[in-house]
N, C-alpha and C. Protein backbone atom coordinates (compact mmCIF):
# COMPACT_ATOMS: atom_id res chain seq x y z
N MET A 1 25.91 -8.42 6.35
CA MET A 1 25.04 -9.57 6.49
C MET A 1 23.85 -9.18 7.37
N ALA A 2 22.70 -9.77 7.13
CA ALA A 2 21.49 -9.43 7.85
C ALA A 2 21.55 -9.94 9.29
N GLU A 3 20.92 -9.19 10.16
CA GLU A 3 20.85 -9.59 11.55
C GLU A 3 19.80 -10.68 11.69
N VAL A 4 20.13 -11.76 12.40
CA VAL A 4 19.22 -12.87 12.56
C VAL A 4 18.62 -12.81 13.96
N LYS A 5 17.30 -12.86 14.01
CA LYS A 5 16.60 -12.87 15.29
C LYS A 5 15.83 -14.18 15.40
N LYS A 6 15.89 -14.80 16.56
CA LYS A 6 15.15 -16.05 16.75
C LYS A 6 14.04 -15.82 17.77
N THR A 7 12.90 -16.39 17.48
CA THR A 7 11.79 -16.29 18.41
C THR A 7 11.85 -17.45 19.38
N ALA A 8 11.31 -17.27 20.55
CA ALA A 8 11.37 -18.31 21.58
C ALA A 8 10.52 -19.52 21.21
N GLU A 9 9.40 -19.28 20.52
CA GLU A 9 8.48 -20.38 20.24
C GLU A 9 9.00 -21.31 19.14
N THR A 10 9.47 -20.75 18.06
CA THR A 10 9.79 -21.57 16.90
C THR A 10 11.27 -21.76 16.65
N GLU A 11 12.09 -20.90 17.21
CA GLU A 11 13.54 -20.93 16.97
C GLU A 11 13.87 -20.77 15.49
N ALA A 12 12.92 -20.27 14.68
CA ALA A 12 13.17 -20.01 13.26
C ALA A 12 13.63 -18.57 13.13
N PRO A 13 14.57 -18.32 12.25
CA PRO A 13 15.04 -16.95 12.10
C PRO A 13 13.95 -16.05 11.53
N VAL A 14 13.85 -14.86 12.06
CA VAL A 14 12.90 -13.86 11.58
C VAL A 14 13.72 -12.71 11.03
N VAL A 15 13.65 -12.49 9.74
CA VAL A 15 14.45 -11.46 9.10
C VAL A 15 13.53 -10.52 8.35
N ALA A 16 13.68 -9.23 8.59
CA ALA A 16 12.88 -8.25 7.87
C ALA A 16 13.26 -8.26 6.39
N ARG A 17 12.30 -7.96 5.54
CA ARG A 17 12.54 -8.01 4.09
C ARG A 17 13.70 -7.12 3.68
N SER A 18 13.79 -5.96 4.28
CA SER A 18 14.85 -5.04 3.89
C SER A 18 16.23 -5.53 4.33
N GLN A 19 16.27 -6.47 5.27
CA GLN A 19 17.54 -6.98 5.78
C GLN A 19 17.95 -8.28 5.11
N ARG A 20 17.15 -8.81 4.23
CA ARG A 20 17.47 -10.09 3.61
C ARG A 20 18.64 -9.93 2.63
N PRO A 21 19.43 -10.98 2.54
CA PRO A 21 20.55 -10.92 1.58
C PRO A 21 20.06 -11.03 0.15
N GLY A 22 20.92 -10.70 -0.79
CA GLY A 22 20.60 -10.88 -2.20
C GLY A 22 20.55 -12.36 -2.52
N ARG A 23 19.99 -12.71 -3.66
CA ARG A 23 19.83 -14.12 -4.03
C ARG A 23 21.15 -14.89 -4.01
N ASN A 24 22.22 -14.27 -4.46
CA ASN A 24 23.50 -14.97 -4.57
C ASN A 24 24.42 -14.75 -3.37
N ASP A 25 23.95 -14.04 -2.36
CA ASP A 25 24.74 -13.84 -1.15
C ASP A 25 24.63 -15.08 -0.26
N PRO A 26 25.55 -15.24 0.68
CA PRO A 26 25.44 -16.37 1.61
C PRO A 26 24.17 -16.24 2.45
N CYS A 27 23.58 -17.37 2.78
CA CYS A 27 22.34 -17.36 3.56
C CYS A 27 22.60 -16.85 4.97
N TYR A 28 21.59 -16.21 5.56
CA TYR A 28 21.72 -15.65 6.90
C TYR A 28 21.77 -16.71 7.99
N CYS A 29 21.40 -17.96 7.67
CA CYS A 29 21.38 -19.00 8.70
C CYS A 29 22.77 -19.55 9.02
N GLY A 30 23.73 -19.22 8.17
CA GLY A 30 25.09 -19.67 8.44
C GLY A 30 25.41 -21.04 7.86
N SER A 31 24.56 -21.55 6.97
CA SER A 31 24.79 -22.88 6.40
C SER A 31 25.92 -22.89 5.37
N GLY A 32 26.27 -21.72 4.86
CA GLY A 32 27.29 -21.65 3.84
C GLY A 32 26.72 -21.74 2.43
N LYS A 33 25.42 -22.04 2.31
CA LYS A 33 24.77 -22.10 1.00
C LYS A 33 24.38 -20.70 0.57
N LYS A 34 24.12 -20.57 -0.73
CA LYS A 34 23.58 -19.31 -1.23
C LYS A 34 22.15 -19.17 -0.71
N TYR A 35 21.74 -17.92 -0.51
CA TYR A 35 20.40 -17.65 0.00
C TYR A 35 19.32 -18.27 -0.88
N LYS A 36 19.49 -18.20 -2.21
CA LYS A 36 18.47 -18.72 -3.12
C LYS A 36 18.32 -20.23 -3.02
N LYS A 37 19.36 -20.94 -2.56
CA LYS A 37 19.29 -22.39 -2.42
C LYS A 37 18.91 -22.82 -1.02
N CYS A 38 18.85 -21.87 -0.11
CA CYS A 38 18.60 -22.22 1.29
C CYS A 38 17.25 -21.71 1.80
N HIS A 39 17.12 -20.43 2.08
CA HIS A 39 15.92 -19.89 2.73
C HIS A 39 15.04 -19.01 1.85
N LEU A 40 15.41 -18.78 0.60
CA LEU A 40 14.63 -17.88 -0.25
C LEU A 40 13.18 -18.35 -0.40
N GLU A 41 12.98 -19.62 -0.74
CA GLU A 41 11.61 -20.13 -0.91
C GLU A 41 10.81 -20.02 0.38
N HIS A 42 11.42 -20.35 1.50
CA HIS A 42 10.74 -20.28 2.79
C HIS A 42 10.32 -18.84 3.09
N ASP A 43 11.23 -17.89 2.88
CA ASP A 43 10.93 -16.49 3.16
C ASP A 43 9.84 -15.95 2.24
N GLU A 44 9.87 -16.34 0.96
CA GLU A 44 8.83 -15.89 0.03
C GLU A 44 7.49 -16.50 0.38
N ALA A 45 7.48 -17.76 0.85
CA ALA A 45 6.22 -18.39 1.28
C ALA A 45 5.65 -17.64 2.49
N GLU A 46 6.51 -17.25 3.41
CA GLU A 46 6.06 -16.47 4.57
C GLU A 46 5.48 -15.13 4.14
N ASP A 47 6.12 -14.49 3.17
CA ASP A 47 5.61 -13.22 2.63
C ASP A 47 4.22 -13.40 2.03
N ARG A 48 4.04 -14.51 1.28
CA ARG A 48 2.73 -14.76 0.67
C ARG A 48 1.68 -15.00 1.74
N LYS A 49 2.02 -15.77 2.78
CA LYS A 49 1.07 -16.02 3.88
C LYS A 49 0.67 -14.71 4.55
N ARG A 50 1.67 -13.87 4.81
CA ARG A 50 1.41 -12.59 5.46
C ARG A 50 0.51 -11.71 4.59
N ALA A 51 0.77 -11.69 3.28
CA ALA A 51 -0.04 -10.87 2.37
C ALA A 51 -1.47 -11.39 2.28
N LEU A 52 -1.64 -12.70 2.25
CA LEU A 52 -2.98 -13.27 2.22
C LEU A 52 -3.74 -12.98 3.50
N ALA A 53 -3.05 -13.07 4.63
CA ALA A 53 -3.70 -12.78 5.91
C ALA A 53 -4.12 -11.31 5.96
N GLU A 54 -3.29 -10.44 5.45
CA GLU A 54 -3.61 -9.01 5.43
C GLU A 54 -4.80 -8.74 4.52
N ALA A 55 -4.84 -9.42 3.37
CA ALA A 55 -5.94 -9.23 2.42
C ALA A 55 -7.25 -9.81 2.96
N ALA A 56 -7.17 -10.81 3.82
CA ALA A 56 -8.37 -11.47 4.33
C ALA A 56 -8.99 -10.74 5.51
N LYS A 57 -8.31 -9.71 6.02
CA LYS A 57 -8.86 -8.97 7.15
C LYS A 57 -10.16 -8.29 6.71
N PRO A 58 -11.18 -8.30 7.58
CA PRO A 58 -12.44 -7.65 7.22
C PRO A 58 -12.25 -6.14 7.08
N VAL A 59 -12.96 -5.57 6.13
CA VAL A 59 -12.88 -4.14 5.87
C VAL A 59 -14.03 -3.46 6.60
N ASP A 60 -13.71 -2.43 7.34
CA ASP A 60 -14.72 -1.66 8.07
C ASP A 60 -15.34 -0.65 7.11
N PRO A 61 -16.64 -0.81 6.78
CA PRO A 61 -17.27 0.11 5.83
C PRO A 61 -17.22 1.56 6.29
N GLU A 62 -17.31 1.80 7.59
CA GLU A 62 -17.26 3.17 8.09
C GLU A 62 -15.89 3.79 7.85
N ALA A 63 -14.85 2.99 7.98
CA ALA A 63 -13.50 3.50 7.73
C ALA A 63 -13.33 3.85 6.25
N VAL A 64 -13.91 3.03 5.38
CA VAL A 64 -13.84 3.30 3.94
C VAL A 64 -14.57 4.59 3.61
N LYS A 65 -15.76 4.77 4.16
CA LYS A 65 -16.53 5.99 3.94
C LYS A 65 -15.77 7.21 4.44
N LYS A 66 -15.17 7.08 5.61
CA LYS A 66 -14.41 8.18 6.19
C LYS A 66 -13.22 8.54 5.29
N GLU A 67 -12.53 7.53 4.77
CA GLU A 67 -11.39 7.77 3.89
C GLU A 67 -11.84 8.44 2.59
N GLU A 68 -12.97 7.97 2.02
CA GLU A 68 -13.48 8.58 0.79
C GLU A 68 -13.87 10.03 1.03
N LYS A 69 -14.50 10.30 2.17
CA LYS A 69 -14.90 11.67 2.51
C LYS A 69 -13.66 12.55 2.67
N HIS A 70 -12.65 12.02 3.34
CA HIS A 70 -11.42 12.77 3.54
C HIS A 70 -10.76 13.08 2.19
N THR A 71 -10.73 12.10 1.29
CA THR A 71 -10.13 12.29 -0.03
C THR A 71 -10.88 13.36 -0.80
N LEU A 72 -12.20 13.32 -0.78
CA LEU A 72 -13.00 14.32 -1.49
C LEU A 72 -12.77 15.71 -0.90
N GLN A 73 -12.74 15.80 0.44
CA GLN A 73 -12.49 17.09 1.07
C GLN A 73 -11.11 17.63 0.67
N GLU A 74 -10.12 16.74 0.61
CA GLU A 74 -8.77 17.15 0.21
C GLU A 74 -8.76 17.66 -1.23
N GLN A 75 -9.49 16.99 -2.11
CA GLN A 75 -9.57 17.42 -3.51
C GLN A 75 -10.23 18.79 -3.62
N VAL A 76 -11.30 18.99 -2.84
CA VAL A 76 -11.98 20.29 -2.86
C VAL A 76 -11.05 21.36 -2.32
N ARG A 77 -10.36 21.06 -1.23
CA ARG A 77 -9.46 22.02 -0.62
C ARG A 77 -8.32 22.40 -1.58
N ASN A 78 -7.83 21.44 -2.32
CA ASN A 78 -6.73 21.70 -3.25
C ASN A 78 -7.20 22.00 -4.67
N LYS A 79 -8.52 22.04 -4.85
CA LYS A 79 -9.13 22.32 -6.15
C LYS A 79 -8.60 21.40 -7.24
N ARG A 80 -8.59 20.12 -6.94
CA ARG A 80 -8.09 19.13 -7.89
C ARG A 80 -9.23 18.45 -8.66
N PHE A 81 -10.29 19.13 -8.82
CA PHE A 81 -11.40 18.55 -9.57
C PHE A 81 -11.86 19.56 -10.62
N ALA A 82 -12.38 19.07 -11.67
CA ALA A 82 -12.87 19.94 -12.73
C ALA A 82 -14.38 20.13 -12.54
N PRO A 83 -14.88 21.34 -12.70
CA PRO A 83 -16.32 21.53 -12.58
C PRO A 83 -17.04 20.84 -13.74
N ALA A 84 -18.25 20.45 -13.49
CA ALA A 84 -19.03 19.78 -14.53
C ALA A 84 -19.28 20.75 -15.68
N PRO A 85 -19.24 20.27 -16.91
CA PRO A 85 -19.48 21.16 -18.04
C PRO A 85 -20.93 21.65 -18.06
N VAL A 86 -21.10 22.90 -18.43
CA VAL A 86 -22.44 23.49 -18.52
C VAL A 86 -22.98 23.19 -19.91
N LYS A 87 -24.19 22.59 -19.97
CA LYS A 87 -24.68 22.09 -21.25
C LYS A 87 -25.73 22.98 -21.91
N ASN A 88 -26.65 23.52 -21.14
CA ASN A 88 -27.70 24.27 -21.84
C ASN A 88 -27.49 25.78 -21.73
N THR A 89 -28.12 26.52 -22.62
CA THR A 89 -27.92 27.96 -22.76
C THR A 89 -28.35 28.72 -21.52
N PHE A 90 -29.50 28.34 -20.95
CA PHE A 90 -29.99 29.04 -19.76
C PHE A 90 -29.00 28.88 -18.61
N THR A 91 -28.51 27.69 -18.39
CA THR A 91 -27.57 27.44 -17.30
C THR A 91 -26.27 28.19 -17.54
N LYS A 92 -25.83 28.26 -18.80
CA LYS A 92 -24.61 29.00 -19.12
C LYS A 92 -24.78 30.48 -18.77
N ALA A 93 -25.95 31.04 -19.12
CA ALA A 93 -26.21 32.45 -18.84
C ALA A 93 -26.24 32.70 -17.33
N MET A 94 -26.86 31.82 -16.58
CA MET A 94 -26.94 31.98 -15.12
C MET A 94 -25.54 31.84 -14.50
N PHE A 95 -24.75 30.93 -15.03
CA PHE A 95 -23.38 30.72 -14.52
C PHE A 95 -22.55 31.97 -14.77
N LYS A 96 -22.69 32.56 -15.96
CA LYS A 96 -21.92 33.77 -16.28
C LYS A 96 -22.32 34.93 -15.37
N ARG A 97 -23.63 35.07 -15.12
CA ARG A 97 -24.09 36.14 -14.24
C ARG A 97 -23.55 35.94 -12.83
N LYS A 98 -23.58 34.70 -12.37
CA LYS A 98 -23.17 34.38 -11.01
C LYS A 98 -21.66 34.60 -10.82
N THR A 99 -20.88 34.23 -11.81
CA THR A 99 -19.41 34.34 -11.68
C THR A 99 -18.90 35.68 -12.16
N GLY A 100 -19.73 36.47 -12.83
CA GLY A 100 -19.30 37.76 -13.30
C GLY A 100 -18.56 37.69 -14.63
N GLU A 101 -18.64 36.58 -15.31
CA GLU A 101 -17.99 36.46 -16.61
C GLU A 101 -18.84 37.14 -17.67
N SER A 102 -18.23 37.59 -18.75
CA SER A 102 -19.01 38.21 -19.81
C SER A 102 -19.01 37.36 -21.06
């Protein structure tokens, strides 16, 4: 059974998602009801509130740029990108000379 923690302010049980019982297991509050008939809706509503609050946080553009730069550097380091195709004859000839291809 999941460990129940109560906060001082609300006295409502706070249960981590990984510790929640299955839908048909007894509820963690000790009421004797199945979890789906007792606290499931409340817990899912709390999850939705938490997800909305997380999504509403402002995004730092500098952090996004830094992450994109890091991702690109990682791709270059691991050579996970394909070089652009060479289209014209002159460029193909210069590319072959530069890389030593025949």
